[in-house]
Amino acid sequence: MADETIVIKGGRRGNNAPTERLSYPREEVFYNNTDYVMFEFWRYKPPFAANSKGGGLTTVTGKDGKKKSKAAAGQTALSIYNNSNLDLETSGLPSIVMYMPEDIGAEYGATWGGKGLTNNQADILKLSGSAFNGSGLSGFGQAAQALGNFMQRSSALVADGIVQAVNGAPGSGGSNVGMNDVLGGVGGVILNPNTELMFSGFDLRGFGLSFKMAPRNKKEAEVIRDIITTFKRASLPGLGAAPALGGLFDGDTTAEENENRNFIDIPNLCTVRFMHGPKDHPYLTKYKPLAITSVKVNYTPDGQFATYDDGSPVATTMQLAFTENKLVFSNEITYGGASY
């Protein structure tokens, strides 16, 4: 029996991305009062590259004749931080418009933690605070009092010496005796922890979106496939690119046009905009450019594999996860409209 040749017809092939905007539902018409989600894809811009605006600095010569960097005209600390997000370069991938999914929300948070300070440590910090604040004779008096309190706690100083001796004694077997172990075992007391709530930072925001897509005709099935392909391509690095480093390379960072196996492209960034007509939705959260951290596709969302005659799945779900590329500060939160 001769080998049978199977010819597959229809659909897009190759690396060329569609040039038109993709949307699901495909024939959806978006009016001025329609809510929807828009995705656009951009090349990653190195925040500290020489040709990046990320620095936001200019070099000036001071009165002493020395050169130094200062914020460029009109630049603030916040604008300097966000400058690498300006003038984004398109990735060549099509923009995508989707219906509003379920579970739209936003999360804000900061990291706080309790920090225990001994009385001696607290006095040292007070001494430092008085010195830094430069509060004149009053500050000198407070510093002297703090230093006096520190010196008067002889029992704690003795206990600290015992701790060092016990832990460093030959044959101690790597024991880790602490200050409270000594004070509790000898004097029946422990140090007052003086716990204070301290701010220690905050994290980049992240969120996820999930879409279920069921094609109503062959063309819409192809659009769904193109939407999934676009997100997959945007989330993955490319092989063969060369970096622009002081003229050492050709500076072309398009993976398809290079054969340098030493480097890979950083994946694209994505902007996710919740829209109300042609503008950002006035009641939903705005986001800075995002990294696509996960693309999950399920071709059997109803628990059973089923396709149409052309092989397109009856239904497909796509789960996306994003992480913002910049921190959001309180002075970027505004009243009365779309805001971060």
Protein backbone atom coordinates (compact mmCIF):
# COMPACT_ATOMS: atom_id res chain seq x y z
CA MET A 1 0.00 0.00 0.00
CA ALA A 2 1.47 3.30 -1.06
CA ASP A 3 2.07 6.02 1.50
CA GLU A 4 -0.82 8.45 1.63
CA THR A 5 -0.01 12.15 1.35
CA ILE A 6 -2.09 14.31 3.65
CA VAL A 7 -2.52 17.88 2.48
CA ILE A 8 -3.54 20.42 5.12
CA LYS A 9 -5.36 23.40 3.72
CA GLY A 10 -6.28 26.71 5.26
CA GLY A 11 -4.93 28.65 8.22
CA ARG A 12 -1.83 30.79 8.62
CA ARG A 13 1.64 29.23 8.42
CA GLY A 14 5.14 30.45 9.21
CA ASN A 15 6.52 33.15 11.49
CA ASN A 16 4.69 36.12 10.02
CA ALA A 17 2.25 37.50 12.57
CA PRO A 18 -1.13 38.82 11.43
CA THR A 19 -1.14 42.55 10.85
CA GLU A 20 -4.77 43.18 11.75
CA ARG A 21 -6.10 43.46 15.29
CA LEU A 22 -7.41 40.20 16.72
CA SER A 23 -10.63 40.16 18.71
CA TYR A 24 -12.85 37.66 20.42
CA PRO A 25 -15.75 37.52 19.87
CA ARG A 26 -14.55 38.18 16.32
CA GLU A 27 -17.52 40.24 15.16
CA GLU A 28 -17.95 42.19 18.39
CA VAL A 29 -18.59 45.89 17.86
CA PHE A 30 -17.18 48.14 20.57
CA TYR A 31 -19.19 51.27 21.17
CA ASN A 32 -18.44 54.28 23.36
CA ASN A 33 -20.06 52.57 26.36
CA THR A 34 -18.68 49.06 25.78
CA ASP A 35 -16.35 47.51 28.36
CA TYR A 36 -13.51 45.30 27.07
CA VAL A 37 -9.84 44.40 27.60
CA MET A 38 -7.08 45.50 25.23
CA PHE A 39 -3.67 43.82 25.01
CA GLU A 40 -0.70 45.36 23.23
CA PHE A 41 2.82 43.94 22.99
CA TRP A 42 6.11 45.81 23.17
CA ARG A 43 9.80 45.03 22.94
CA TYR A 44 11.54 44.91 26.29
CA LYS A 45 13.55 48.09 26.82
CA PRO A 46 16.61 47.66 29.10
CA PRO A 47 16.09 50.22 31.89
CA PHE A 48 19.79 51.08 32.15
CA ALA A 49 20.84 50.93 28.50
CA ALA A 50 22.78 53.86 27.09
CA ASN A 51 20.01 54.66 24.61
CA SER A 52 17.27 54.36 27.22
CA LYS A 53 15.55 57.23 28.97
CA GLY A 54 15.58 55.15 32.11
CA GLY A 55 18.34 57.25 33.68
CA GLY A 56 16.56 60.56 33.32
CA LEU A 57 19.88 62.23 34.22
CA THR A 58 22.10 64.84 32.65
CA THR A 59 25.77 65.66 33.32
CA VAL A 60 26.58 69.16 34.58
CA THR A 61 29.74 70.88 35.77
CA GLY A 62 29.58 72.28 39.28
CA LYS A 63 31.18 75.45 40.67
CA ASP A 64 34.12 73.36 41.81
CA GLY A 65 34.76 72.28 38.21
CA LYS A 66 33.74 68.68 38.88
CA LYS A 67 31.20 66.92 36.70
CA LYS A 68 28.21 65.34 38.35
CA SER A 69 24.84 63.91 37.40
CA LYS A 70 21.54 65.57 38.19
CA ALA A 71 17.95 65.09 37.18
CA ALA A 72 17.23 66.35 33.68
CA ALA A 73 14.99 69.37 33.30
CA GLY A 74 11.44 68.59 34.28
CA GLN A 75 12.41 65.23 35.74
CA THR A 76 11.39 64.08 39.21
CA ALA A 77 12.50 61.02 41.11
CA LEU A 78 9.27 59.30 40.06
CA SER A 79 9.53 60.21 36.39
CA ILE A 80 13.16 59.08 36.29
CA TYR A 81 12.11 55.72 37.72
CA ASN A 82 9.32 55.30 35.14
CA ASN A 83 11.17 56.70 32.11
CA SER A 84 12.09 53.32 30.65
CA ASN A 85 8.36 52.77 30.08
CA LEU A 86 8.18 55.75 27.73
CA ASP A 87 8.46 55.49 23.94
CA LEU A 88 7.87 51.75 23.91
CA GLU A 89 8.71 50.04 20.63
CA THR A 90 6.10 47.79 19.11
CA SER A 91 6.96 44.10 18.98
CA GLY A 92 5.35 43.48 15.62
CA LEU A 93 2.68 41.30 17.21
CA PRO A 94 -0.98 42.23 16.69
CA SER A 95 -2.99 43.91 19.42
CA ILE A 96 -5.80 41.83 20.93
CA VAL A 97 -9.25 42.84 22.14
CA MET A 98 -11.18 40.49 24.43
CA TYR A 99 -14.43 40.49 26.34
CA MET A 100 -14.41 41.40 30.04
CA PRO A 101 -13.54 38.21 31.97
CA GLU A 102 -14.65 37.18 35.44
CA ASP A 103 -12.66 37.86 38.63
CA ILE A 104 -11.30 41.28 37.70
CA GLY A 105 -9.62 42.83 40.72
CA ALA A 106 -6.49 44.45 42.06
CA GLU A 107 -4.32 43.95 45.10
CA TYR A 108 -2.13 46.44 46.93
CA GLY A 109 0.11 45.63 49.83
CA ALA A 110 3.24 46.43 51.78
CA THR A 111 5.55 44.36 53.93
CA TRP A 112 5.60 45.19 57.62
CA GLY A 113 7.26 43.18 60.37
CA GLY A 114 7.96 43.32 64.07
CA LYS A 115 11.55 44.10 64.98
CA GLY A 116 12.75 43.38 68.50
CA LEU A 117 15.32 45.80 69.95
CA THR A 118 17.10 45.46 73.26
CA ASN A 119 17.27 48.52 75.49
CA ASN A 120 20.94 48.87 74.56
CA GLN A 121 20.13 48.75 70.85
CA ALA A 122 17.30 51.23 71.32
CA ASP A 123 19.62 53.62 73.15
CA ILE A 124 22.24 53.35 70.40
CA LEU A 125 19.58 54.17 67.78
CA LYS A 126 18.39 57.13 69.85
CA LEU A 127 21.99 58.31 70.07
CA SER A 128 22.34 58.00 66.29
CA GLY A 129 19.01 59.74 65.73
CA SER A 130 20.03 62.69 67.86
CA ALA A 131 23.28 63.01 65.95
CA PHE A 132 21.60 62.80 62.54
CA ASN A 133 18.84 65.23 63.43
CA GLY A 134 21.35 67.84 64.56
CA SER A 135 19.03 69.20 67.23
CA GLY A 136 21.65 71.33 69.01
CA LEU A 137 22.09 71.26 72.80
CA SER A 138 18.81 69.45 73.28
CA GLY A 139 20.00 66.69 70.99
CA PHE A 140 23.34 66.56 72.80
CA GLY A 141 21.55 66.13 76.12
CA GLN A 142 19.39 63.31 74.75
CA ALA A 143 22.45 61.62 73.28
CA ALA A 144 24.31 61.89 76.57
CA GLN A 145 21.36 60.42 78.44
CA ALA A 146 21.11 57.54 75.97
CA LEU A 147 24.84 56.88 76.28
CA GLY A 148 24.57 56.96 80.07
CA ASN A 149 21.70 54.47 80.04
CA PHE A 150 23.75 52.21 77.79
CA MET A 151 26.75 52.27 80.12
CA GLN A 152 24.63 51.69 83.23
CA ARG A 153 23.31 48.33 82.03
CA SER A 154 26.32 46.42 83.30
CA SER A 155 24.38 43.19 83.78
CA ALA A 156 23.52 43.04 80.10
CA LEU A 157 27.14 43.76 79.16
CA VAL A 158 28.36 41.01 81.47
CA ALA A 159 25.79 38.59 80.04
CA ASP A 160 26.97 39.41 76.55
CA GLY A 161 30.53 38.55 77.57
CA ILE A 162 29.31 35.23 78.99
CA VAL A 163 27.52 34.45 75.72
CA GLN A 164 30.72 35.02 73.75
CA ALA A 165 32.73 32.89 76.15
CA VAL A 166 30.28 29.99 76.19
CA ASN A 167 29.87 29.84 72.42
CA GLY A 168 33.60 30.12 71.83
CA ALA A 169 34.70 27.64 74.48
CA PRO A 170 36.61 24.54 73.29
CA GLY A 171 34.31 21.54 73.04
CA SER A 172 31.18 23.66 72.91
CA GLY A 173 30.07 21.55 69.97
CA GLY A 174 28.75 24.50 68.02
CA SER A 175 26.24 25.47 70.70
CA ASN A 176 24.35 28.67 70.13
CA VAL A 177 23.68 30.18 73.53
CA GLY A 178 21.90 33.52 73.42
CA MET A 179 21.64 36.53 75.71
CA ASN A 180 18.24 35.49 77.05
CA ASP A 181 19.54 31.97 77.74
CA VAL A 182 22.19 33.43 80.05
CA LEU A 183 19.92 35.99 81.73
CA GLY A 184 17.08 33.50 82.16
CA GLY A 185 19.31 30.73 83.46
CA VAL A 186 21.27 32.92 85.88
CA GLY A 187 19.02 35.82 86.86
CA GLY A 188 15.53 34.60 86.04
CA VAL A 189 14.88 37.45 83.61
CA ILE A 190 15.16 38.10 79.88
CA LEU A 191 15.67 41.29 77.93
CA ASN A 192 12.68 43.47 77.13
CA PRO A 193 12.21 42.91 73.36
CA ASN A 194 10.97 46.49 72.74
CA THR A 195 9.23 45.26 69.59
CA GLU A 196 8.42 47.93 67.02
CA LEU A 197 6.49 47.59 63.76
CA MET A 198 8.88 48.44 60.92
CA PHE A 199 8.22 48.93 57.19
CA SER A 200 10.51 46.74 55.08
CA GLY A 201 9.33 47.22 51.50
CA PHE A 202 6.69 46.17 49.00
CA ASP A 203 6.43 43.97 45.93
CA LEU A 204 5.58 44.26 42.27
CA ARG A 205 1.88 43.74 41.57
CA GLY A 206 0.67 40.66 39.77
CA PHE A 207 -2.69 39.38 38.58
CA GLY A 208 -4.28 36.80 36.31
CA LEU A 209 -7.03 36.68 33.70
CA SER A 210 -8.92 33.71 32.30
CA PHE A 211 -10.88 33.50 29.05
CA LYS A 212 -13.08 30.76 27.62
CA MET A 213 -13.43 30.86 23.83
CA ALA A 214 -15.89 28.84 21.75
CA PRO A 215 -15.75 29.47 17.98
CA ARG A 216 -19.01 30.01 16.11
CA ASN A 217 -17.46 29.48 12.67
CA LYS A 218 -14.21 28.51 10.97
CA LYS A 219 -12.86 32.06 10.79
CA GLU A 220 -13.41 32.61 14.51
CA ALA A 221 -11.64 29.32 15.26
CA GLU A 222 -8.61 30.62 13.33
CA VAL A 223 -8.73 33.91 15.23
CA ILE A 224 -8.76 32.03 18.57
CA ARG A 225 -5.72 30.04 17.45
CA ASP A 226 -3.96 33.28 16.44
CA ILE A 227 -4.76 34.88 19.81
CA ILE A 228 -3.24 31.94 21.69
CA THR A 229 -0.22 31.90 19.37
CA THR A 230 0.35 35.62 19.95
CA PHE A 231 0.41 35.25 23.72
CA LYS A 232 2.75 32.26 23.47
CA ARG A 233 5.16 34.16 21.22
CA ALA A 234 5.05 37.26 23.42
CA SER A 235 5.82 35.29 26.59
CA LEU A 236 8.85 33.35 25.29
CA PRO A 237 12.42 34.46 24.51
CA GLY A 238 13.88 34.28 21.01
CA LEU A 239 17.13 32.52 20.14
CA GLY A 240 19.79 34.10 17.94
CA ALA A 241 19.69 37.77 18.95
CA ALA A 242 22.72 39.97 19.54
CA PRO A 243 22.85 42.77 22.15
CA ALA A 244 23.85 46.35 21.44
CA LEU A 245 26.87 46.84 23.69
CA GLY A 246 29.05 49.75 22.73
CA GLY A 247 29.25 48.78 19.06
CA LEU A 248 30.68 45.31 19.81
CA PHE A 249 27.69 43.75 18.10
CA ASP A 250 25.48 44.80 15.25
CA GLY A 251 22.81 46.02 17.65
CA ASP A 252 20.03 44.13 15.86
CA THR A 253 17.98 42.34 18.51
CA THR A 254 15.53 40.62 16.18
CA ALA A 255 15.97 36.91 16.79
CA GLU A 256 14.78 35.87 13.30
CA GLU A 257 17.51 37.97 11.66
CA ASN A 258 20.48 36.80 13.75
CA GLU A 259 22.31 33.54 14.27
CA ASN A 260 24.20 34.35 17.49
CA ARG A 261 23.68 31.31 19.69
CA ASN A 262 25.29 32.97 22.71
CA PHE A 263 22.26 35.12 23.55
CA ILE A 264 18.51 34.95 23.74
CA ASP A 265 16.01 37.79 23.47
CA ILE A 266 14.16 38.89 26.56
CA PRO A 267 10.41 38.23 26.06
CA ASN A 268 8.07 41.05 25.16
CA LEU A 269 6.20 43.21 27.62
CA CYS A 270 2.44 43.54 27.47
CA THR A 271 0.11 46.38 28.34
CA VAL A 272 -3.27 45.33 29.68
CA ARG A 273 -5.92 48.04 29.56
CA PHE A 274 -9.42 47.70 30.88
CA MET A 275 -11.39 49.93 28.54
CA HIS A 276 -14.70 51.78 28.56
CA GLY A 277 -15.22 52.78 24.96
CA PRO A 278 -12.03 54.46 23.65
CA LYS A 279 -10.66 55.36 27.12
CA ASP A 280 -9.32 53.59 30.19
CA HIS A 281 -12.14 52.41 32.41
CA PRO A 282 -12.71 55.11 35.05
CA TYR A 283 -13.43 52.60 37.84
CA LEU A 284 -10.92 49.81 37.17
CA THR A 285 -7.22 49.59 37.91
CA LYS A 286 -4.56 50.72 35.44
CA TYR A 287 -1.30 48.81 35.11
CA LYS A 288 2.17 49.69 33.95
CA PRO A 289 3.74 47.42 31.29
CA LEU A 290 3.69 43.80 32.39
CA ALA A 291 5.71 40.64 31.94
CA ILE A 292 3.67 37.61 30.90
CA THR A 293 4.71 35.05 33.49
CA SER A 294 2.37 32.23 32.47
CA VAL A 295 0.20 31.16 29.54
CA LYS A 296 -1.94 28.08 30.19
CA VAL A 297 -4.15 26.63 27.47
CA ASN A 298 -6.78 23.96 28.06
CA TYR A 299 -8.33 22.35 24.98
CA THR A 300 -10.78 20.28 27.05
CA PRO A 301 -12.39 22.84 29.40
CA ASP A 302 -15.62 20.83 29.57
CA GLY A 303 -13.85 17.61 30.52
CA GLN A 304 -14.02 15.99 27.09
CA PHE A 305 -12.07 16.46 23.87
CA ALA A 306 -14.37 17.54 21.07
CA THR A 307 -13.67 19.20 17.72
CA TYR A 308 -15.45 20.37 14.61
CA ASP A 309 -14.88 18.76 11.21
CA ASP A 310 -11.87 20.97 10.53
CA GLY A 311 -10.21 19.90 13.79
CA SER A 312 -10.78 23.13 15.72
CA PRO A 313 -11.68 22.57 19.40
CA VAL A 314 -15.28 23.16 20.40
CA ALA A 315 -14.02 25.26 23.34
CA THR A 316 -10.66 26.46 24.64
CA THR A 317 -9.69 28.24 27.85
CA MET A 318 -6.63 30.45 28.20
CA GLN A 319 -5.25 31.49 31.60
CA LEU A 320 -2.78 34.37 31.70
CA ALA A 321 -0.59 35.56 34.58
CA PHE A 322 1.15 38.95 34.64
CA THR A 323 3.67 40.81 36.80
CA GLU A 324 4.11 44.59 36.58
CA ASN A 325 7.57 45.78 35.53
CA LYS A 326 7.66 48.75 37.93
CA LEU A 327 6.54 49.44 41.48
CA VAL A 328 3.53 51.68 42.03
CA PHE A 329 3.93 54.47 44.60
CA SER A 330 1.26 56.29 46.57
CA ASN A 331 1.75 59.55 44.66
CA GLU A 332 0.76 57.74 41.45
CA ILE A 333 -2.69 56.97 42.83
CA THR A 334 -5.12 59.69 41.75
CA TYR A 335 -8.74 60.54 42.53
CA GLY A 336 -11.64 60.91 40.17
CA GLY A 337 -10.88 58.60 37.28
CA ALA A 338 -8.67 55.84 35.91
CA SER A 339 -5.71 55.30 38.21
CA TYR A 340 -3.08 52.77 39.16
